[in-house]
Amino acid sequence: MDKLVPDQAEGLRRLLARSGSRVIAVTGGSMGAGCTTTVINLAAALAQQGKDVLVLDERTGEKSVSALAGSVRGAGNFVAVMRGEMTLDDAATRHPLGFSVLAAARAHRESYSAAQFGVLLHGSADVVLIDAQLDQQGHLSALAMQAHDVMIVTRMAAQAITDAYACMKRLHYAHAIAQFRVLVNHVQSVEDAHTAFANLAGVASRYLAVALEDAGCIAADARMARAEELSRCVVDAFPSTPAARDFRHLAAELQYWPMRPAMSSQTPWMAPATVSAAQHADQPSAQHA
């Protein structure tokens, strides 16, 4: 009964608030943070919980969702959807674990406007996860800017935390993003993750006036690497392991995150020269994080 009431309340909030999907862009400040594996495992966990999930894969190569998830290499026909030649349901590739994947590489998405991306975000999916690839300046694509939340994935290492702060700083000045969610990956204990998040949140609040929300943490788990070797995700291959449990917990929790307007509807236009100047303004080194 306790679960039924929140579910009904969330359903009513979504019905009254807006149509379309909950859209989350997932990115990180450094290579190896685990963004893509987070997207795959989160998609699998949400699908297990009965959610219709679409993954938009902005990355290319052997570390993309399409390559790592198995069975969906070069997934779907993004251009056909944008041109109205195929429906999203027909174009996306269905993974055996129940979520859909659509490859959205830069070469395919650059010629379309933010408004045109609406066809991807107002379909049947309950949740859209974007494995967001930042450009050379560290900025989000126009597609990723349709997200309601940006989730930064970081590891516990000092350099990874520093890189996460630098990433948020760039995104803040480029897109006027005032709030991020932070997922701490590969942690030895929940207490360590809480300490890392609290330190990062304090620095972001003090020097950027940016609010951070704790998305939780994922345990360090040797089975993660083994699952990747098998072209599977830990949620499916080793469901009893700590990391799998953490991904299922995150999947359950994010369904009750407040629904905010898409970032693209909040972001003022800023000339490139202004963005560059803002990024190099007198700010503390990311080492403070």
Protein backbone atom coordinates (compact mmCIF):
# COMPACT_ATOMS: atom_id res chain seq x y z
CA MET A 1 0.00 0.00 0.00
CA ASP A 2 2.84 2.40 0.82
CA LYS A 3 4.33 1.96 -2.66
CA LEU A 4 0.97 2.36 -4.38
CA VAL A 5 0.35 5.84 -2.98
CA PRO A 6 3.66 7.35 -4.22
CA ASP A 7 3.17 5.66 -7.60
CA GLN A 8 -0.30 7.18 -7.94
CA ALA A 9 0.93 10.59 -6.80
CA GLU A 10 3.81 10.55 -9.28
CA GLY A 11 1.49 9.48 -12.08
CA LEU A 12 -0.86 12.36 -11.29
CA ARG A 13 2.02 14.84 -11.17
CA ARG A 14 3.24 13.73 -14.58
CA LEU A 15 -0.26 13.88 -16.04
CA LEU A 16 -0.83 17.43 -14.78
CA ALA A 17 2.70 18.72 -15.40
CA ARG A 18 3.50 17.78 -18.97
CA SER A 19 3.41 15.16 -21.68
CA GLY A 20 6.44 13.28 -22.92
CA SER A 21 9.30 11.50 -21.28
CA ARG A 22 11.60 12.16 -18.35
CA VAL A 23 14.90 12.99 -20.09
CA ILE A 24 18.25 12.59 -18.36
CA ALA A 25 21.61 13.42 -19.95
CA VAL A 26 24.48 11.43 -18.48
CA THR A 27 28.05 12.65 -18.83
CA GLY A 28 31.28 13.00 -16.86
CA GLY A 29 34.42 15.01 -16.53
CA SER A 30 36.97 12.34 -17.35
CA MET A 31 37.50 9.18 -19.33
CA GLY A 32 36.80 6.06 -17.34
CA ALA A 33 34.20 7.63 -15.07
CA GLY A 34 31.70 5.03 -16.23
CA CYS A 35 29.07 7.11 -18.03
CA THR A 36 28.22 4.58 -20.73
CA THR A 37 28.08 1.59 -18.40
CA THR A 38 25.90 3.68 -16.09
CA VAL A 39 23.47 4.37 -18.95
CA ILE A 40 23.30 0.70 -19.96
CA ASN A 41 22.82 -0.64 -16.44
CA LEU A 42 20.31 2.07 -15.57
CA ALA A 43 18.32 1.33 -18.72
CA ALA A 44 18.29 -2.38 -17.89
CA ALA A 45 17.25 -1.73 -14.29
CA LEU A 46 14.42 0.61 -15.36
CA ALA A 47 13.21 -1.93 -17.90
CA GLN A 48 13.17 -4.60 -15.18
CA GLN A 49 10.95 -2.26 -13.16
CA GLY A 50 8.44 -2.08 -16.00
CA LYS A 51 9.50 1.24 -17.54
CA ASP A 52 9.63 1.94 -21.26
CA VAL A 53 13.18 3.23 -21.78
CA LEU A 54 14.85 4.82 -24.80
CA VAL A 55 18.63 5.28 -24.87
CA LEU A 56 19.98 7.96 -27.22
CA ASP A 57 23.59 7.06 -27.93
CA GLU A 58 25.67 10.12 -28.85
CA ARG A 59 28.98 8.28 -28.73
CA THR A 60 30.69 6.30 -31.48
CA GLY A 61 33.26 3.53 -31.50
CA GLU A 62 33.95 0.61 -29.23
CA LYS A 63 32.95 2.45 -26.04
CA SER A 64 29.49 3.49 -27.22
CA VAL A 65 26.24 2.09 -25.86
CA SER A 66 25.62 0.45 -29.23
CA ALA A 67 28.94 -1.41 -29.00
CA LEU A 68 28.99 -2.25 -25.29
CA ALA A 69 25.38 -3.30 -24.86
CA GLY A 70 25.65 -6.13 -27.36
CA SER A 71 23.06 -6.93 -30.05
CA VAL A 72 22.52 -3.26 -30.96
CA ARG A 73 25.68 -2.14 -32.79
CA GLY A 74 24.91 0.88 -35.01
CA ALA A 75 21.46 0.94 -33.46
CA GLY A 76 18.51 2.33 -35.36
CA ASN A 77 18.01 4.97 -38.02
CA PHE A 78 18.19 8.42 -36.46
CA VAL A 79 18.01 10.30 -39.76
CA ALA A 80 14.87 8.48 -40.85
CA VAL A 81 13.13 9.52 -37.63
CA MET A 82 14.19 13.14 -38.04
CA ARG A 83 12.95 13.19 -41.64
CA GLY A 84 9.64 11.65 -40.67
CA GLU A 85 10.29 8.57 -42.79
CA MET A 86 10.04 6.16 -39.85
CA THR A 87 8.41 6.24 -36.47
CA LEU A 88 10.68 6.20 -33.45
CA ASP A 89 9.36 2.81 -32.37
CA ASP A 90 10.20 1.33 -35.78
CA ALA A 91 13.62 2.99 -36.08
CA ALA A 92 15.07 2.25 -32.63
CA THR A 93 16.70 -1.12 -31.98
CA ARG A 94 15.15 -3.18 -29.20
CA HIS A 95 17.66 -4.69 -26.79
CA PRO A 96 16.82 -8.18 -25.44
CA LEU A 97 16.69 -6.69 -21.91
CA GLY A 98 13.71 -4.54 -22.87
CA PHE A 99 15.04 -1.06 -23.59
CA SER A 100 15.44 0.62 -26.98
CA VAL A 101 18.59 2.20 -28.40
CA LEU A 102 18.93 4.83 -31.12
CA ALA A 103 22.40 5.91 -32.25
CA ALA A 104 22.59 9.70 -32.53
CA ALA A 105 26.15 10.42 -33.62
CA ARG A 106 27.21 14.03 -34.16
CA ALA A 107 27.35 13.69 -37.96
CA HIS A 108 23.67 12.70 -38.00
CA ARG A 109 22.22 15.17 -35.49
CA GLU A 110 23.99 18.45 -36.30
CA SER A 111 21.64 19.51 -39.12
CA TYR A 112 18.51 19.41 -36.96
CA SER A 113 17.07 22.05 -34.68
CA ALA A 114 16.22 21.70 -31.02
CA ALA A 115 12.51 21.80 -31.92
CA GLN A 116 12.89 18.83 -34.26
CA PHE A 117 14.32 16.70 -31.48
CA GLY A 118 10.89 16.79 -29.84
CA VAL A 119 9.87 13.73 -31.86
CA LEU A 120 12.39 11.72 -29.81
CA LEU A 121 11.17 13.02 -26.48
CA HIS A 122 7.40 12.93 -26.78
CA GLY A 123 6.91 9.29 -27.66
CA SER A 124 5.91 6.34 -25.57
CA ALA A 125 9.09 6.13 -23.46
CA ASP A 126 8.76 6.79 -19.75
CA VAL A 127 12.46 7.62 -19.50
CA VAL A 128 14.95 8.80 -22.13
CA LEU A 129 18.62 8.39 -21.19
CA ILE A 130 21.13 10.32 -23.30
CA ASP A 131 24.71 9.09 -23.21
CA ALA A 132 25.89 12.64 -23.82
CA GLN A 133 29.15 13.24 -25.64
CA LEU A 134 30.57 16.69 -24.93
CA ASP A 135 32.11 18.61 -27.82
CA GLN A 136 35.72 19.86 -27.96
CA GLN A 137 34.80 22.85 -25.80
CA GLY A 138 33.15 20.60 -23.24
CA HIS A 139 29.61 21.66 -24.16
CA LEU A 140 26.41 19.65 -24.55
CA SER A 141 24.81 18.98 -27.92
CA ALA A 142 21.48 20.56 -28.86
CA LEU A 143 19.94 17.12 -28.35
CA ALA A 144 21.31 16.72 -24.82
CA MET A 145 20.07 20.22 -24.01
CA GLN A 146 16.53 18.83 -24.23
CA ALA A 147 17.17 16.97 -20.95
CA HIS A 148 15.48 17.86 -17.68
CA ASP A 149 18.51 16.76 -15.67
CA VAL A 150 22.24 16.46 -16.28
CA MET A 151 23.81 13.67 -14.25
CA ILE A 152 27.58 13.91 -13.79
CA VAL A 153 29.28 10.57 -13.18
CA THR A 154 32.57 10.65 -11.28
CA ARG A 155 34.86 8.28 -9.47
CA MET A 156 36.31 8.66 -6.00
CA ALA A 157 39.86 9.47 -7.16
CA ALA A 158 41.02 13.03 -6.49
CA GLN A 159 41.68 13.72 -10.19
CA ALA A 160 38.25 12.41 -11.15
CA ILE A 161 36.58 14.74 -8.63
CA THR A 162 38.65 17.64 -9.96
CA ASP A 163 37.63 16.78 -13.52
CA ALA A 164 33.96 16.58 -12.51
CA TYR A 165 34.13 20.07 -11.03
CA ALA A 166 35.81 21.40 -14.18
CA CYS A 167 33.12 19.76 -16.30
CA MET A 168 30.31 21.37 -14.30
CA LYS A 169 32.09 24.73 -14.49
CA ARG A 170 32.24 24.55 -18.30
CA LEU A 171 28.62 23.44 -18.60
CA HIS A 172 27.47 26.12 -16.17
CA TYR A 173 29.07 28.94 -18.14
CA ALA A 174 28.13 27.51 -21.54
CA HIS A 175 24.48 26.69 -20.83
CA ALA A 176 23.60 28.53 -17.59
CA ILE A 177 22.90 25.22 -15.88
CA ALA A 178 22.27 25.93 -12.22
CA GLN A 179 21.80 22.39 -10.94
CA PHE A 180 23.44 19.02 -11.54
CA ARG A 181 22.94 15.55 -10.17
CA VAL A 182 26.10 13.72 -9.19
CA LEU A 183 26.59 9.95 -9.18
CA VAL A 184 29.74 8.72 -7.46
CA ASN A 185 30.93 5.54 -9.13
CA HIS A 186 33.26 2.76 -8.02
CA VAL A 187 33.06 3.51 -4.28
CA GLN A 188 34.38 1.42 -1.42
CA SER A 189 31.80 2.69 1.08
CA VAL A 190 28.69 4.84 1.15
CA GLU A 191 30.35 7.07 3.74
CA ASP A 192 33.24 7.82 1.37
CA ALA A 193 30.77 8.70 -1.38
CA HIS A 194 28.83 11.03 0.91
CA THR A 195 32.03 12.81 1.93
CA ALA A 196 33.15 13.25 -1.69
CA PHE A 197 29.74 14.57 -2.70
CA ALA A 198 29.55 16.98 0.25
CA ASN A 199 32.97 18.42 -0.59
CA LEU A 200 32.12 18.80 -4.26
CA ALA A 201 28.72 20.35 -3.48
CA GLY A 202 30.32 22.85 -1.12
CA VAL A 203 32.84 24.03 -3.69
CA ALA A 204 30.21 24.23 -6.47
CA SER A 205 27.89 26.26 -4.26
CA ARG A 206 30.58 28.62 -3.03
CA TYR A 207 32.38 29.38 -6.29
CA LEU A 208 29.78 28.74 -9.00
CA ALA A 209 26.48 29.27 -7.18
CA VAL A 210 25.51 25.88 -8.58
CA ALA A 211 23.39 23.42 -6.59
CA LEU A 212 24.25 19.74 -6.63
CA GLU A 213 21.80 16.92 -5.94
CA ASP A 214 23.08 13.58 -4.69
CA ALA A 215 22.12 10.86 -7.18
CA GLY A 216 23.70 8.20 -4.99
CA CYS A 217 26.66 5.90 -5.54
CA ILE A 218 27.64 2.65 -7.22
CA ALA A 219 29.82 0.16 -5.37
CA ALA A 220 33.23 -0.88 -6.66
CA ASP A 221 32.51 -4.32 -8.08
CA ALA A 222 34.85 -6.63 -10.00
CA ARG A 223 31.83 -8.15 -11.73
CA MET A 224 31.31 -4.89 -13.63
CA ALA A 225 34.41 -5.54 -15.72
CA ARG A 226 33.49 -9.20 -16.19
CA ALA A 227 30.02 -8.26 -17.40
CA GLU A 228 31.55 -5.85 -19.94
CA GLU A 229 33.84 -8.61 -21.21
CA LEU A 230 30.71 -10.69 -21.80
CA SER A 231 29.01 -7.78 -23.65
CA ARG A 232 26.42 -7.73 -20.90
CA CYS A 233 25.53 -5.43 -18.04
CA VAL A 234 26.01 -6.27 -14.39
CA VAL A 235 22.30 -5.76 -13.63
CA ASP A 236 21.51 -8.70 -15.92
CA ALA A 237 24.62 -10.88 -15.68
CA PHE A 238 25.25 -10.66 -11.94
CA PRO A 239 22.04 -9.32 -10.36
CA SER A 240 22.98 -10.16 -6.78
CA THR A 241 26.19 -8.13 -6.72
CA PRO A 242 26.47 -4.77 -4.88
CA ALA A 243 26.75 -2.71 -8.09
CA ALA A 244 23.63 -4.31 -9.56
CA ARG A 245 21.69 -3.54 -6.39
CA ASP A 246 22.90 0.07 -6.49
CA PHE A 247 21.77 0.50 -10.10
CA ARG A 248 18.33 -0.89 -9.27
CA HIS A 249 18.09 1.52 -6.33
CA LEU A 250 19.05 4.47 -8.56
CA ALA A 251 16.49 3.38 -11.15
CA ALA A 252 13.75 3.30 -8.52
CA GLU A 253 14.73 6.65 -7.04
CA LEU A 254 15.04 8.69 -10.24
CA GLN A 255 11.41 8.04 -11.12
CA TYR A 256 10.49 10.40 -8.25
CA TRP A 257 12.93 13.19 -9.05
CA PRO A 258 11.05 16.47 -9.56
CA MET A 259 10.19 17.10 -13.19
CA ARG A 260 11.91 20.33 -14.25
CA PRO A 261 11.59 22.18 -17.55
CA ALA A 262 14.02 21.09 -20.25
CA MET A 263 17.32 22.96 -20.07
CA SER A 264 16.84 24.32 -23.59
CA SER A 265 13.81 26.28 -22.39
CA GLN A 266 15.82 27.93 -19.61
CA THR A 267 19.14 28.69 -21.29
CA PRO A 268 19.69 32.26 -22.52
CA TRP A 269 21.69 32.79 -25.69
CA MET A 270 25.30 33.75 -25.06
CA ALA A 271 27.78 34.80 -27.71
CA PRO A 272 30.82 32.49 -28.08
CA ALA A 273 33.22 35.25 -27.00
CA THR A 274 31.18 35.81 -23.85
CA VAL A 275 31.18 32.10 -23.07
CA SER A 276 34.96 31.93 -23.50
CA ALA A 277 35.50 34.93 -21.24
CA ALA A 278 33.21 33.52 -18.57
CA GLN A 279 34.98 30.19 -18.58
CA HIS A 280 38.33 31.85 -17.98
CA ALA A 281 37.06 34.24 -15.33
CA ASP A 282 38.76 34.34 -11.96
CA GLN A 283 37.56 31.09 -10.43
CA PRO A 284 39.20 28.68 -7.97
CA SER A 285 41.13 25.76 -9.34
CA ALA A 286 39.21 22.53 -9.55
CA GLN A 287 41.73 21.17 -7.06
CA HIS A 288 39.48 22.70 -4.37
CA ALA A 289 37.00 19.94 -5.09
